C-alpha atoms as a PDB file:
ATOM      1  CA  MET A   1       0.004  -0.016  -0.003  1.00  0.00           C
ATOM      2  CA  LYS A   2       1.570   3.236  -1.163  1.00  0.00           C
ATOM      3  CA  GLU A   3       1.256   6.252   1.092  1.00  0.00           C
ATOM      4  CA  SER A   4       0.510   9.575  -0.517  1.00  0.00           C
ATOM      5  CA  ILE A   5       2.839  12.472   0.179  1.00  0.00           C
ATOM      6  CA  THR A   6       0.970  14.982   2.234  1.00  0.00           C
ATOM      7  CA  THR A   7       3.906  17.283   2.940  1.00  0.00           C
ATOM      8  CA  LYS A   8       4.840  19.858   0.339  1.00  0.00           C
ATOM      9  CA  SER A   9       8.181  19.419  -1.338  1.00  0.00           C
ATOM     10  CA  ALA A  10       9.267  22.894  -0.225  1.00  0.00           C
ATOM     11  CA  GLN A  11       9.093  21.664   3.374  1.00  0.00           C
ATOM     12  CA  LEU A  12      10.998  18.476   2.734  1.00  0.00           C
ATOM     13  CA  PRO A  13      14.807  18.498   2.615  1.00  0.00           C
ATOM     14  CA  VAL A  14      14.668  15.358   0.452  1.00  0.00           C
ATOM     15  CA  SER A  15      13.127  14.670  -2.923  1.00  0.00           C
ATOM     16  CA  LYS A  16       9.529  13.531  -3.218  1.00  0.00           C
ATOM     17  CA  LYS A  17      10.694  10.350  -4.902  1.00  0.00           C
ATOM     18  CA  PHE A  18      13.024   9.455  -2.013  1.00  0.00           C
ATOM     19  CA  TYR A  19      10.364  10.277   0.587  1.00  0.00           C
ATOM     20  CA  ALA A  20       7.806   8.074  -1.221  1.00  0.00           C
ATOM     21  CA  GLU A  21      10.309   5.221  -1.510  1.00  0.00           C
ATOM     22  CA  ILE A  22      11.165   5.327   2.210  1.00  0.00           C
ATOM     23  CA  MET A  23       7.547   5.392   3.248  1.00  0.00           C
ATOM     24  CA  GLU A  24       6.739   2.542   0.863  1.00  0.00           C
ATOM     25  CA  ARG A  25       9.633   0.476   2.304  1.00  0.00           C
ATOM     26  CA  ILE A  26       8.377   1.080   5.846  1.00  0.00           C
ATOM     27  CA  CYS A  27       4.869  -0.081   4.839  1.00  0.00           C
ATOM     28  CA  GLU A  28       6.220  -3.176   3.128  1.00  0.00           C
ATOM     29  CA  ALA A  29       8.475  -4.085   6.031  1.00  0.00           C
ATOM     30  CA  CYS A  30       5.707  -3.673   8.608  1.00  0.00           C
ATOM     31  CA  THR A  31       3.370  -5.748   6.444  1.00  0.00           C
ATOM     32  CA  ALA A  32       5.999  -8.476   5.992  1.00  0.00           C
ATOM     33  CA  PHE A  33       6.602  -8.771   9.776  1.00  0.00           C
ATOM     34  CA  ASP A  34       2.925  -8.377  10.780  1.00  0.00           C
ATOM     35  CA  ALA A  35       3.896  -5.346  12.867  1.00  0.00           C
ATOM     36  CA  GLY A  36       0.490  -3.778  12.674  1.00  0.00           C
ATOM     37  CA  ALA A  37      -0.800  -0.296  11.928  1.00  0.00           C
ATOM     38  CA  GLU A  38       0.376   1.184  15.238  1.00  0.00           C
ATOM     39  CA  MET A  39       3.972   0.144  14.728  1.00  0.00           C
ATOM     40  CA  ARG A  40       3.896   1.326  11.113  1.00  0.00           C
ATOM     41  CA  GLU A  41       2.530   4.719  12.227  1.00  0.00           C
ATOM     42  CA  ALA A  42       5.156   5.034  14.942  1.00  0.00           C
ATOM     43  CA  ILE A  43       8.008   4.302  12.525  1.00  0.00           C
ATOM     44  CA  THR A  44       6.511   6.625   9.905  1.00  0.00           C
ATOM     45  CA  MET A  45       6.177   9.435  12.426  1.00  0.00           C
ATOM     46  CA  ALA A  46       9.758   8.977  13.657  1.00  0.00           C
ATOM     47  CA  ILE A  47      11.097   9.121  10.100  1.00  0.00           C
ATOM     48  CA  ARG A  48       8.899  12.062   9.187  1.00  0.00           C
ATOM     49  CA  GLU A  49      10.047  13.987  12.264  1.00  0.00           C
ATOM     50  CA  PHE A  50      13.688  13.284  11.432  1.00  0.00           C
ATOM     51  CA  ILE A  51      13.281  14.347   7.782  1.00  0.00           C
ATOM     52  CA  THR A  52      11.335  17.535   8.558  1.00  0.00           C
ATOM     53  CA  HIS A  53      12.838  18.662  11.872  1.00  0.00           C
ATOM     54  CA  GLY A  54      15.987  16.546  12.375  1.00  0.00           C
ATOM     55  CA  ALA A  55      14.623  15.081  15.613  1.00  0.00           C
ATOM     56  CA  SER A  56      15.722  11.538  16.540  1.00  0.00           C
ATOM     57  CA  PRO A  57      13.298   9.278  18.386  1.00  0.00           C
ATOM     58  CA  ASP A  58      14.135   9.124  22.057  1.00  0.00           C
ATOM     59  CA  GLY A  59      12.508   8.450  25.384  1.00  0.00           C
ATOM     60  CA  ASP A  60       9.947   5.692  25.724  1.00  0.00           C
ATOM     61  CA  VAL A  61       9.875   4.753  22.042  1.00  0.00           C
ATOM     62  CA  ASP A  62       9.492   1.079  21.092  1.00  0.00           C
ATOM     63  CA  GLN A  63      12.722  -0.756  20.307  1.00  0.00           C
ATOM     64  CA  CYS A  64      11.444  -1.713  16.835  1.00  0.00           C
ATOM     65  CA  VAL A  65      11.018   1.989  16.016  1.00  0.00           C
ATOM     66  CA  LYS A  66      14.548   2.726  17.189  1.00  0.00           C
ATOM     67  CA  LEU A  67      15.886  -0.192  15.153  1.00  0.00           C
ATOM     68  CA  ALA A  68      14.084   0.850  11.948  1.00  0.00           C
ATOM     69  CA  PHE A  69      15.219   4.439  12.438  1.00  0.00           C
ATOM     70  CA  ALA A  70      18.853   3.391  13.035  1.00  0.00           C
ATOM     71  CA  LEU A  71      18.798   1.338   9.822  1.00  0.00           C
ATOM     72  CA  LEU A  72      17.349   4.109   7.697  1.00  0.00           C
ATOM     73  CA  ARG A  73      19.120   7.149   9.212  1.00  0.00           C
ATOM     74  CA  PRO A  74      22.364   7.023   7.140  1.00  0.00           C
ATOM     75  CA  GLU A  75      20.391   6.702   3.918  1.00  0.00           C
ATOM     76  CA  ILE A  76      18.156   9.646   4.878  1.00  0.00           C
ATOM     77  CA  GLU A  77      21.150  11.794   5.817  1.00  0.00           C
ATOM     78  CA  LYS A  78      22.777  11.087   2.440  1.00  0.00           C
ATOM     79  CA  ALA A  79      19.542  12.018   0.673  1.00  0.00           C
ATOM     80  CA  ILE A  80      19.311  15.277   2.598  1.00  0.00           C
ATOM     81  CA  GLU A  81      22.896  16.118   1.581  1.00  0.00           C
ATOM     82  CA  ARG A  82      22.188  15.216  -2.068  1.00  0.00           C
ATOM     83  CA  SER A  83      19.079  17.387  -2.116  1.00  0.00           C
ATOM     84  CA  ALA A  84      20.872  20.329  -0.509  1.00  0.00           C
ATOM     85  CA  ALA A  85      23.648  20.088  -3.114  1.00  0.00           C
ATOM     86  CA  ALA A  86      21.093  19.883  -5.929  1.00  0.00           C
ATOM     87  CA  ARG A  87      19.288  22.949  -4.551  1.00  0.00           C
ATOM     88  CA  ARG A  88      22.578  24.864  -4.402  1.00  0.00           C
ATOM     89  CA  ARG A  89      23.379  23.931  -7.992  1.00  0.00           C
ATOM     90  CA  ALA A  90      19.897  24.951  -9.124  1.00  0.00           C
ATOM     91  CA  LEU A  91      20.261  28.295  -7.342  1.00  0.00           C
ATOM     92  CA  ILE A  92      23.584  28.945  -9.080  1.00  0.00           C
ATOM     93  CA  ARG A  93      22.062  27.912 -12.412  1.00  0.00           C
ATOM     94  CA  ARG A  94      19.100  30.246 -11.915  1.00  0.00           C
ATOM     95  CA  LYS A  95      21.364  33.148 -10.913  1.00  0.00           C
ATOM     96  CA  THR A  96      23.607  32.586 -13.940  1.00  0.00           C
ATOM     97  CA  ALA A  97      20.604  32.334 -16.257  1.00  0.00           C
ATOM     98  CA  SER A  98      19.017  35.530 -14.935  1.00  0.00           C
ATOM     99  CA  LYS A  99      22.331  37.402 -15.179  1.00  0.00           C
ATOM    100  CA  GLN A 100      22.860  36.170 -18.726  1.00  0.00           C
ATOM    101  CA  THR A 101      19.400  37.322 -19.811  1.00  0.00           C
ATOM    102  CA  THR A 102      19.829  40.749 -18.183  1.00  0.00           C
ATOM    103  CA  LYS A 103      23.351  41.153 -19.660  1.00  0.00           C
ATOM    104  CA  ASN A 104      22.304  40.272 -23.199  1.00  0.00           C
ATOM    105  CA  LYS A 105      19.028  42.143 -23.194  1.00  0.00           C
ATOM    106  CA  PRO A 106      19.230  44.974 -25.802  1.00  0.00           C
ATOM    107  CA  VAL A 107      17.939  48.370 -24.869  1.00  0.00           C
ATOM    108  CA  VAL A 108      15.291  49.143 -27.455  1.00  0.00           C
ATOM    109  CA  GLY A 109      15.462  52.562 -29.127  1.00  0.00           C
ATOM    110  CA  THR A 110      19.017  53.460 -28.101  1.00  0.00           C
ATOM    111  CA  LEU A 111      21.666  54.172 -30.694  1.00  0.00           C
ATOM    112  CA  ARG A 112      24.818  52.171 -31.195  1.00  0.00           C
ATOM    113  CA  ALA A 113      27.959  54.096 -30.360  1.00  0.00           C
ATOM    114  CA  THR A 114      29.974  53.138 -33.468  1.00  0.00           C
ATOM    115  CA  SER A 115      30.117  55.522 -36.416  1.00  0.00           C
ATOM    116  CA  GLU A 116      29.439  52.796 -38.974  1.00  0.00           C
ATOM    117  CA  CYS A 117      25.785  52.311 -38.004  1.00  0.00           C
ATOM    118  CA  LYS A 118      23.387  54.770 -36.409  1.00  0.00           C
ATOM    119  CA  GLN A 119      20.253  52.653 -36.342  1.00  0.00           C
ATOM    120  CA  PRO A 120      18.377  51.532 -33.197  1.00  0.00           C
ATOM    121  CA  ILE A 121      19.671  48.312 -31.577  1.00  0.00           C
ATOM    122  CA  ASP A 122      16.362  46.512 -32.017  1.00  0.00           C
ATOM    123  CA  ARG A 123      16.934  46.669 -35.818  1.00  0.00           C
ATOM    124  CA  LEU A 124      20.483  45.293 -35.649  1.00  0.00           C
ATOM    125  CA  SER A 125      21.348  41.733 -36.438  1.00  0.00           C
ATOM    126  CA  PRO A 126      22.387  39.489 -33.513  1.00  0.00           C
ATOM    127  CA  ALA A 127      25.967  39.512 -34.823  1.00  0.00           C
ATOM    128  CA  ASP A 128      26.097  43.335 -34.677  1.00  0.00           C
ATOM    129  CA  VAL A 129      24.708  43.312 -31.139  1.00  0.00           C
ATOM    130  CA  ALA A 130      27.226  40.623 -30.090  1.00  0.00           C
ATOM    131  CA  ARG A 131      30.112  42.756 -31.359  1.00  0.00           C
ATOM    132  CA  ASN A 132      29.125  45.491 -28.909  1.00  0.00           C
ATOM    133  CA  VAL A 133      28.926  43.228 -25.856  1.00  0.00           C
ATOM    134  CA  PRO A 134      32.071  43.692 -23.726  1.00  0.00           C
ATOM    135  CA  THR A 135      34.098  40.515 -23.368  1.00  0.00           C
ATOM    136  CA  ASN A 136      36.409  41.559 -20.524  1.00  0.00           C
ATOM    137  CA  THR A 137      34.644  42.221 -17.265  1.00  0.00           C
ATOM    138  CA  PRO A 138      36.535  43.273 -14.165  1.00  0.00           C
ATOM    139  CA  HIS A 139      36.832  40.579 -11.525  1.00  0.00           C
ATOM    140  CA  ASN A 140      35.693  41.499  -8.043  1.00  0.00           C
ATOM    141  CA  ASP A 141      37.468  39.576  -5.260  1.00  0.00           C
ATOM    142  CA  ASP A 142      34.583  40.189  -2.831  1.00  0.00           C
ATOM    143  CA  THR A 143      32.280  37.772  -4.661  1.00  0.00           C
ATOM    144  CA  ASP A 144      31.291  34.597  -2.917  1.00  0.00           C
ATOM    145  CA  GLU A 145      32.052  31.083  -4.144  1.00  0.00           C
ATOM    146  CA  GLU A 146      28.808  30.672  -6.037  1.00  0.00           C
ATOM    147  CA  GLU A 147      29.470  33.674  -8.248  1.00  0.00           C
ATOM    148  CA  GLU A 148      33.032  32.520  -8.826  1.00  0.00           C
ATOM    149  CA  TYR A 149      31.836  29.449 -10.738  1.00  0.00           C
ATOM    150  CA  GLU A 150      29.054  31.127 -12.721  1.00  0.00           C
ATOM    151  CA  GLY A 151      30.505  30.463 -16.139  1.00  0.00           C
ATOM    152  CA  ALA A 152      31.649  26.936 -15.314  1.00  0.00           C
ATOM    153  CA  ARG A 153      28.893  24.415 -15.663  1.00  0.00           C
ATOM    154  CA  THR A 154      29.630  20.920 -14.488  1.00  0.00           C
ATOM    155  CA  PRO A 155      28.770  18.359 -17.160  1.00  0.00           C
ATOM    156  CA  ASN A 156      26.058  15.881 -16.362  1.00  0.00           C
ATOM    157  CA  ARG A 157      26.643  12.142 -16.356  1.00  0.00           C
ATOM    158  CA  ARG A 158      25.849  11.672 -20.054  1.00  0.00           C
ATOM    159  CA  GLU A 159      28.245  14.482 -21.071  1.00  0.00           C
ATOM    160  CA  ARG A 160      30.998  13.137 -18.802  1.00  0.00           C
ATOM    161  CA  ARG A 161      30.588   9.662 -20.293  1.00  0.00           C
ATOM    162  CA  ARG A 162      30.743  11.041 -23.839  1.00  0.00           C
ATOM    163  CA  LEU A 163      33.961  12.932 -22.999  1.00  0.00           C
ATOM    164  CA  GLU A 164      35.502   9.844 -21.412  1.00  0.00           C
ATOM    165  CA  GLN A 165      34.571   7.743 -24.476  1.00  0.00           C
ATOM    166  CA  GLN A 166      36.130  10.325 -26.808  1.00  0.00           C
ATOM    167  CA  LEU A 167      39.307  10.345 -24.714  1.00  0.00           C
ATOM    168  CA  ARG A 168      39.556   6.543 -24.743  1.00  0.00           C
ATOM    169  CA  ARG A 169      38.884   6.488 -28.500  1.00  0.00           C
ATOM    170  CA  LYS A 170      41.593   9.065 -29.077  1.00  0.00           C
ATOM    171  CA  ALA A 171      44.050   7.090 -26.923  1.00  0.00           C
ATOM    172  CA  ARG A 172      43.307   3.878 -28.869  1.00  0.00           C
ATOM    173  CA  GLN A 173      43.819   5.707 -32.181  1.00  0.00           C
ATOM    174  CA  MET A 174      47.116   7.139 -31.026  1.00  0.00           C
ATOM    175  CA  ALA A 175      48.264   3.728 -29.777  1.00  0.00           C
ATOM    176  CA  ARG A 176      47.344   2.118 -33.139  1.00  0.00           C
ATOM    177  CA  HIS A 177      49.084   4.885 -35.009  1.00  0.00           C
ATOM    178  CA  ALA A 178      52.227   4.518 -32.883  1.00  0.00           C
ATOM    179  CA  ALA A 179      52.156   0.720 -33.346  1.00  0.00           C
ATOM    180  CA  SER A 180      51.815   1.056 -37.132  1.00  0.00           C
ATOM    181  CA  ARG A 181      54.806   3.428 -37.227  1.00  0.00           C
ATOM    182  CA  ARG A 182      56.974   0.908 -35.399  1.00  0.00           C
ATOM    183  CA  SER A 183      56.084  -1.888 -37.820  1.00  0.00           C
END
C-alpha cells in the first residue's frame, strides 16, 4: 500500500521520490513482519520527524522503532545532503541564467555608439549586437564562491561519459598509429 505524500516538497529537505520510497519500504516491512498499523505509524512518524525537523526518536519509544530508524538514518542523511547540493546547483544555475538574460538584453530605441551604424539596436542583427557586448569584465574579489563558478557548468553524467569515451577512442587511435609506425 503506497502512502501519498501529504507534505509539500518545499518543506522536505529530500526529494519527493526518495520520501515516497522510504515510506513505501516502511509499509512493506511492517506488512511483511505483521507489525500492525500502530507500529507502522510510529516508525513513519519517527522518520517524518527526522526528515522535517531533524529530531531523533528518544525516550519511551519502542525498540522496533529505534531499530528501523537506526537502519534508515544514514540513507536519509545522504539523501538530505544530495538534495541540498542539488538545490545549491539549481540556485547557481538560476542566478547565472538571470544574469545572462539581463546582460544580453538589448535596450530598445538606443543608438549604437559606433560611427558605422546609427540605427536603433532593435533593428540590428544578432551579430552586430554581439560585437558590442564587452568581453572583458573586471573581476571582483569580494564575490562569494557561487558567483566565482558562474561560467563553469559541471557536465552531467551523459556528457561526462561522452567525454570519457572520446578520450579513450583518441588514446586507442594514437596507440594504433604509434604501433603502425613501429612496424
